[in-house]
Amino acid sequence: MPLYAAVIYTSDIDWTLPEHADVMAEYGEFSASAAAVMRGGAALYPTATATTVRVSEKGGDVVTSDGPYAETKEALTGFFLLECADLDEAIARAAAIPAAWNGAVEVRPVIPMG
């Protein structure tokens, strides 16, 4: 079966803080309900913890900068890797991810590597 990345965009917050425990519990409920098709996933720390990497050319100088590449209203805050029969099933699963209710979930097919 094909793999789909359910890429989560929400407010750029620290999900480890106690005030977000209720929402994290909802994500736990989603994870339990999707366990049969879930192949991985993770929440991400806020974009302030990011490091952007650029290389001027192949084998060239590595340049890093703190923080995200661009400022946005919603940030990439996590993902799930789902193994579903088809895009319709992946969309149905993504609709149950809490971010779909107050942010966005982008569903994208995964190209197998190796």
N, C-alpha and C. Protein backbone atom coordinates (compact mmCIF):
# COMPACT_ATOMS: atom_id res chain seq x y z
N MET A 1 0.85 -1.19 0.00
CA MET A 1 0.00 0.00 0.00
C MET A 1 0.89 1.24 0.00
N PRO A 2 0.41 2.30 -0.62
CA PRO A 2 1.21 3.53 -0.65
C PRO A 2 1.28 4.22 0.71
N LEU A 3 2.34 5.01 0.87
CA LEU A 3 2.52 5.82 2.08
C LEU A 3 2.15 7.26 1.77
N TYR A 4 1.55 7.92 2.76
CA TYR A 4 1.18 9.32 2.65
C TYR A 4 1.72 10.05 3.87
N ALA A 5 2.30 11.22 3.64
CA ALA A 5 2.70 12.08 4.74
C ALA A 5 1.54 13.02 5.03
N ALA A 6 1.09 13.05 6.25
CA ALA A 6 0.09 14.01 6.71
C ALA A 6 0.87 15.09 7.45
N VAL A 7 1.14 16.19 6.77
CA VAL A 7 2.00 17.25 7.29
C VAL A 7 1.13 18.28 8.01
N ILE A 8 1.44 18.56 9.25
CA ILE A 8 0.58 19.35 10.13
C ILE A 8 1.08 20.79 10.23
N TYR A 9 0.17 21.73 10.01
CA TYR A 9 0.45 23.16 10.16
C TYR A 9 -0.51 23.74 11.18
N THR A 10 0.05 24.30 12.26
CA THR A 10 -0.76 24.91 13.31
C THR A 10 -0.04 26.17 13.80
N SER A 11 -0.59 26.76 14.84
CA SER A 11 0.11 27.88 15.49
C SER A 11 1.47 27.41 15.96
N ASP A 12 2.44 28.27 15.91
CA ASP A 12 3.81 27.95 16.28
C ASP A 12 3.98 28.02 17.79
N ILE A 13 3.66 26.91 18.46
CA ILE A 13 3.71 26.88 19.92
C ILE A 13 4.55 25.69 20.39
N ASP A 14 4.91 25.69 21.64
CA ASP A 14 5.67 24.60 22.24
C ASP A 14 4.67 23.59 22.81
N TRP A 15 4.51 22.48 22.10
CA TRP A 15 3.53 21.47 22.48
C TRP A 15 3.90 20.75 23.77
N THR A 16 5.12 20.94 24.28
CA THR A 16 5.52 20.27 25.52
C THR A 16 5.02 21.00 26.76
N LEU A 17 4.50 22.22 26.61
CA LEU A 17 4.03 22.99 27.77
C LEU A 17 2.73 22.40 28.31
N PRO A 18 2.56 22.44 29.64
CA PRO A 18 1.38 21.84 30.28
C PRO A 18 0.05 22.39 29.76
N GLU A 19 0.01 23.65 29.35
CA GLU A 19 -1.26 24.22 28.90
C GLU A 19 -1.77 23.60 27.60
N HIS A 20 -0.95 22.80 26.93
CA HIS A 20 -1.37 22.15 25.68
C HIS A 20 -1.66 20.67 25.89
N ALA A 21 -1.73 20.23 27.14
CA ALA A 21 -1.92 18.81 27.44
C ALA A 21 -3.24 18.28 26.88
N ASP A 22 -4.30 19.08 26.91
CA ASP A 22 -5.60 18.60 26.39
C ASP A 22 -5.53 18.32 24.90
N VAL A 23 -4.89 19.21 24.15
CA VAL A 23 -4.76 19.01 22.70
C VAL A 23 -3.85 17.82 22.42
N MET A 24 -2.76 17.70 23.18
CA MET A 24 -1.86 16.57 22.99
C MET A 24 -2.59 15.25 23.28
N ALA A 25 -3.52 15.27 24.22
CA ALA A 25 -4.33 14.07 24.48
C ALA A 25 -5.18 13.73 23.26
N GLU A 26 -5.70 14.76 22.58
CA GLU A 26 -6.47 14.51 21.35
C GLU A 26 -5.59 13.88 20.28
N TYR A 27 -4.34 14.33 20.17
CA TYR A 27 -3.41 13.70 19.23
C TYR A 27 -3.14 12.25 19.61
N GLY A 28 -3.06 11.99 20.91
CA GLY A 28 -2.89 10.61 21.38
C GLY A 28 -4.07 9.75 21.00
N GLU A 29 -5.28 10.31 21.10
CA GLU A 29 -6.48 9.58 20.70
C GLU A 29 -6.45 9.29 19.20
N PHE A 30 -6.04 10.30 18.40
CA PHE A 30 -5.93 10.06 16.96
C PHE A 30 -4.93 8.95 16.69
N SER A 31 -3.77 9.02 17.34
CA SER A 31 -2.73 8.00 17.12
C SER A 31 -3.25 6.61 17.44
N ALA A 32 -4.00 6.48 18.51
CA ALA A 32 -4.56 5.18 18.87
C ALA A 32 -5.57 4.71 17.83
N SER A 33 -6.40 5.62 17.33
CA SER A 33 -7.43 5.23 16.36
C SER A 33 -6.84 4.91 14.99
N ALA A 34 -5.67 5.47 14.68
CA ALA A 34 -5.03 5.25 13.37
C ALA A 34 -3.86 4.28 13.45
N ALA A 35 -3.73 3.57 14.57
CA ALA A 35 -2.56 2.70 14.78
C ALA A 35 -2.38 1.68 13.66
N ALA A 36 -3.46 1.20 13.08
CA ALA A 36 -3.36 0.17 12.04
C ALA A 36 -2.68 0.68 10.77
N VAL A 37 -2.74 1.98 10.52
CA VAL A 37 -2.15 2.54 9.29
C VAL A 37 -0.96 3.45 9.57
N MET A 38 -0.69 3.76 10.83
CA MET A 38 0.39 4.69 11.16
C MET A 38 1.73 3.99 11.09
N ARG A 39 2.66 4.61 10.38
CA ARG A 39 4.01 4.07 10.24
C ARG A 39 5.06 4.99 10.83
N GLY A 40 4.64 6.10 11.43
CA GLY A 40 5.57 7.01 12.07
C GLY A 40 4.95 8.37 12.25
N GLY A 41 5.67 9.24 12.90
CA GLY A 41 5.19 10.59 13.11
C GLY A 41 5.86 11.21 14.31
N ALA A 42 5.73 12.53 14.39
CA ALA A 42 6.32 13.25 15.51
C ALA A 42 5.79 14.67 15.54
N ALA A 43 5.75 15.23 16.75
CA ALA A 43 5.51 16.66 16.91
C ALA A 43 6.88 17.33 16.86
N LEU A 44 6.90 18.58 16.40
CA LEU A 44 8.15 19.31 16.29
C LEU A 44 8.19 20.46 17.29
N TYR A 45 9.38 20.77 17.78
CA TYR A 45 9.54 21.94 18.64
C TYR A 45 9.28 23.20 17.82
N PRO A 46 9.03 24.35 18.47
CA PRO A 46 8.73 25.59 17.74
C PRO A 46 9.82 25.98 16.74
N THR A 47 9.44 26.78 15.77
CA THR A 47 10.37 27.18 14.72
C THR A 47 11.56 27.96 15.26
N ALA A 48 11.45 28.56 16.43
CA ALA A 48 12.58 29.28 17.02
C ALA A 48 13.76 28.34 17.29
N THR A 49 13.49 27.03 17.36
CA THR A 49 14.56 26.06 17.61
C THR A 49 15.16 25.54 16.31
N ALA A 50 14.63 25.97 15.17
CA ALA A 50 15.09 25.48 13.87
C ALA A 50 16.42 26.09 13.46
N THR A 51 17.14 25.36 12.65
CA THR A 51 18.33 25.87 11.97
C THR A 51 18.14 25.61 10.49
N THR A 52 18.22 26.64 9.68
CA THR A 52 18.09 26.51 8.23
C THR A 52 19.48 26.32 7.63
N VAL A 53 19.62 25.34 6.76
CA VAL A 53 20.90 25.01 6.14
C VAL A 53 20.82 25.28 4.65
N ARG A 54 21.82 25.98 4.13
CA ARG A 54 21.94 26.23 2.70
C ARG A 54 23.39 25.92 2.30
N VAL A 55 23.54 25.45 1.07
CA VAL A 55 24.87 25.21 0.50
C VAL A 55 24.91 25.95 -0.83
N SER A 56 25.94 26.76 -1.03
CA SER A 56 26.02 27.61 -2.21
C SER A 56 25.99 26.81 -3.51
N GLU A 57 26.58 25.62 -3.47
CA GLU A 57 26.57 24.69 -4.62
C GLU A 57 27.00 23.34 -4.09
N LYS A 58 26.83 22.31 -4.87
CA LYS A 58 27.22 20.97 -4.42
C LYS A 58 28.68 21.00 -3.98
N GLY A 59 28.91 20.59 -2.75
CA GLY A 59 30.26 20.59 -2.19
C GLY A 59 30.74 21.95 -1.74
N GLY A 60 29.86 22.96 -1.83
CA GLY A 60 30.25 24.32 -1.48
C GLY A 60 30.16 24.60 0.00
N ASP A 61 30.27 25.87 0.34
CA ASP A 61 30.22 26.31 1.73
C ASP A 61 28.84 26.08 2.32
N VAL A 62 28.83 25.61 3.55
CA VAL A 62 27.59 25.42 4.29
C VAL A 62 27.29 26.70 5.07
N VAL A 63 26.10 27.23 4.89
CA VAL A 63 25.68 28.43 5.59
C VAL A 63 24.44 28.08 6.41
N THR A 64 24.48 28.39 7.71
CA THR A 64 23.33 28.10 8.57
C THR A 64 22.79 29.41 9.12
N SER A 65 21.51 29.40 9.41
CA SER A 65 20.88 30.54 10.09
C SER A 65 19.89 30.01 11.10
N ASP A 66 19.74 30.74 12.19
CA ASP A 66 18.80 30.34 13.23
C ASP A 66 17.38 30.64 12.79
N GLY A 67 16.47 29.79 13.26
CA GLY A 67 15.06 30.04 13.03
C GLY A 67 14.57 29.52 11.69
N PRO A 68 13.30 29.77 11.43
CA PRO A 68 12.67 29.22 10.23
C PRO A 68 13.09 29.96 8.97
N TYR A 69 12.81 29.34 7.85
CA TYR A 69 13.11 29.94 6.56
C TYR A 69 12.24 31.17 6.31
N ALA A 70 10.97 31.09 6.67
CA ALA A 70 10.05 32.21 6.42
C ALA A 70 9.07 32.34 7.58
N GLU A 71 8.62 33.54 7.83
CA GLU A 71 7.59 33.78 8.85
C GLU A 71 6.22 33.51 8.24
N THR A 72 5.40 32.76 8.94
CA THR A 72 4.05 32.47 8.48
C THR A 72 3.10 32.46 9.66
N LYS A 73 1.81 32.51 9.36
CA LYS A 73 0.80 32.46 10.41
C LYS A 73 0.77 31.07 11.04
N GLU A 74 0.86 30.04 10.19
CA GLU A 74 0.90 28.66 10.67
C GLU A 74 2.26 28.08 10.32
N ALA A 75 2.77 27.24 11.18
CA ALA A 75 4.09 26.66 10.99
C ALA A 75 3.98 25.14 10.89
N LEU A 76 4.98 24.53 10.29
CA LEU A 76 5.08 23.07 10.28
C LEU A 76 5.34 22.63 11.71
N THR A 77 4.39 21.91 12.30
CA THR A 77 4.52 21.54 13.71
C THR A 77 4.55 20.04 13.95
N GLY A 78 4.42 19.25 12.89
CA GLY A 78 4.49 17.81 13.06
C GLY A 78 4.06 17.09 11.80
N PHE A 79 4.06 15.76 11.90
CA PHE A 79 3.65 14.95 10.75
C PHE A 79 3.28 13.55 11.22
N PHE A 80 2.51 12.88 10.40
CA PHE A 80 2.25 11.45 10.56
C PHE A 80 2.56 10.80 9.23
N LEU A 81 3.08 9.59 9.26
CA LEU A 81 3.30 8.80 8.07
C LEU A 81 2.25 7.70 8.09
N LEU A 82 1.36 7.73 7.09
CA LEU A 82 0.22 6.82 7.06
C LEU A 82 0.30 5.89 5.86
N GLU A 83 0.06 4.62 6.08
CA GLU A 83 0.00 3.65 4.98
C GLU A 83 -1.47 3.38 4.70
N CYS A 84 -1.96 3.87 3.59
CA CYS A 84 -3.38 3.79 3.26
C CYS A 84 -3.57 3.17 1.88
N ALA A 85 -4.74 2.65 1.64
CA ALA A 85 -5.04 2.02 0.36
C ALA A 85 -4.96 3.01 -0.79
N ASP A 86 -5.39 4.26 -0.53
CA ASP A 86 -5.41 5.27 -1.58
C ASP A 86 -5.53 6.66 -0.96
N LEU A 87 -5.52 7.67 -1.82
CA LEU A 87 -5.60 9.05 -1.35
C LEU A 87 -6.89 9.31 -0.58
N ASP A 88 -7.99 8.73 -1.00
CA ASP A 88 -9.26 8.95 -0.30
C ASP A 88 -9.18 8.49 1.15
N GLU A 89 -8.57 7.32 1.39
CA GLU A 89 -8.42 6.85 2.77
C GLU A 89 -7.49 7.77 3.55
N ALA A 90 -6.40 8.22 2.91
CA ALA A 90 -5.45 9.12 3.59
C ALA A 90 -6.13 10.43 3.97
N ILE A 91 -6.97 10.95 3.10
CA ILE A 91 -7.70 12.19 3.40
C ILE A 91 -8.67 11.97 4.55
N ALA A 92 -9.36 10.84 4.56
CA ALA A 92 -10.29 10.54 5.66
C ALA A 92 -9.54 10.46 6.98
N ARG A 93 -8.38 9.83 6.98
CA ARG A 93 -7.58 9.75 8.21
C ARG A 93 -7.10 11.14 8.62
N ALA A 94 -6.63 11.93 7.66
CA ALA A 94 -6.12 13.28 7.95
C ALA A 94 -7.20 14.17 8.54
N ALA A 95 -8.44 13.98 8.13
CA ALA A 95 -9.55 14.78 8.65
C ALA A 95 -9.77 14.56 10.14
N ALA A 96 -9.25 13.45 10.67
CA ALA A 96 -9.39 13.15 12.10
C ALA A 96 -8.23 13.68 12.93
N ILE A 97 -7.22 14.23 12.29
CA ILE A 97 -6.08 14.81 13.01
C ILE A 97 -6.52 16.16 13.58
N PRO A 98 -6.32 16.41 14.88
CA PRO A 98 -6.79 17.66 15.49
C PRO A 98 -6.40 18.93 14.74
N ALA A 99 -5.26 18.97 14.08
CA ALA A 99 -4.84 20.18 13.35
C ALA A 99 -5.82 20.52 12.23
N ALA A 100 -6.54 19.55 11.72
CA ALA A 100 -7.49 19.82 10.64
C ALA A 100 -8.64 20.71 11.12
N TRP A 101 -8.85 20.77 12.43
CA TRP A 101 -9.98 21.53 12.98
C TRP A 101 -9.64 23.00 13.21
N ASN A 102 -8.35 23.32 13.37
CA ASN A 102 -8.00 24.72 13.62
C ASN A 102 -6.69 25.14 12.96
N GLY A 103 -6.20 24.34 12.07
CA GLY A 103 -4.99 24.61 11.31
C GLY A 103 -5.16 24.01 9.94
N ALA A 104 -4.19 23.23 9.51
CA ALA A 104 -4.28 22.55 8.22
C ALA A 104 -3.45 21.28 8.26
N VAL A 105 -3.88 20.29 7.48
CA VAL A 105 -3.12 19.06 7.31
C VAL A 105 -2.96 18.84 5.81
N GLU A 106 -1.73 18.86 5.37
CA GLU A 106 -1.42 18.62 3.96
C GLU A 106 -1.13 17.13 3.79
N VAL A 107 -1.83 16.49 2.85
CA VAL A 107 -1.62 15.07 2.58
C VAL A 107 -0.83 14.97 1.28
N ARG A 108 0.29 14.24 1.34
CA ARG A 108 1.13 14.15 0.17
C ARG A 108 1.68 12.73 0.04
N PRO A 109 1.62 12.13 -1.17
CA PRO A 109 2.20 10.80 -1.35
C PRO A 109 3.70 10.84 -1.11
N VAL A 110 4.22 9.74 -0.60
CA VAL A 110 5.65 9.60 -0.29
C VAL A 110 6.31 8.78 -1.40
N ILE A 111 7.44 9.25 -1.89
CA ILE A 111 8.22 8.51 -2.88
C ILE A 111 9.14 7.56 -2.13
N PRO A 112 9.01 6.25 -2.34
CA PRO A 112 9.89 5.31 -1.65
C PRO A 112 11.35 5.54 -2.03
N MET A 113 12.22 5.49 -1.06
CA MET A 113 13.65 5.68 -1.29
C MET A 113 14.36 4.36 -0.98
N GLY A 114 15.06 3.82 -1.94
CA GLY A 114 15.84 2.60 -1.71
C GLY A 114 15.05 1.40 -1.97
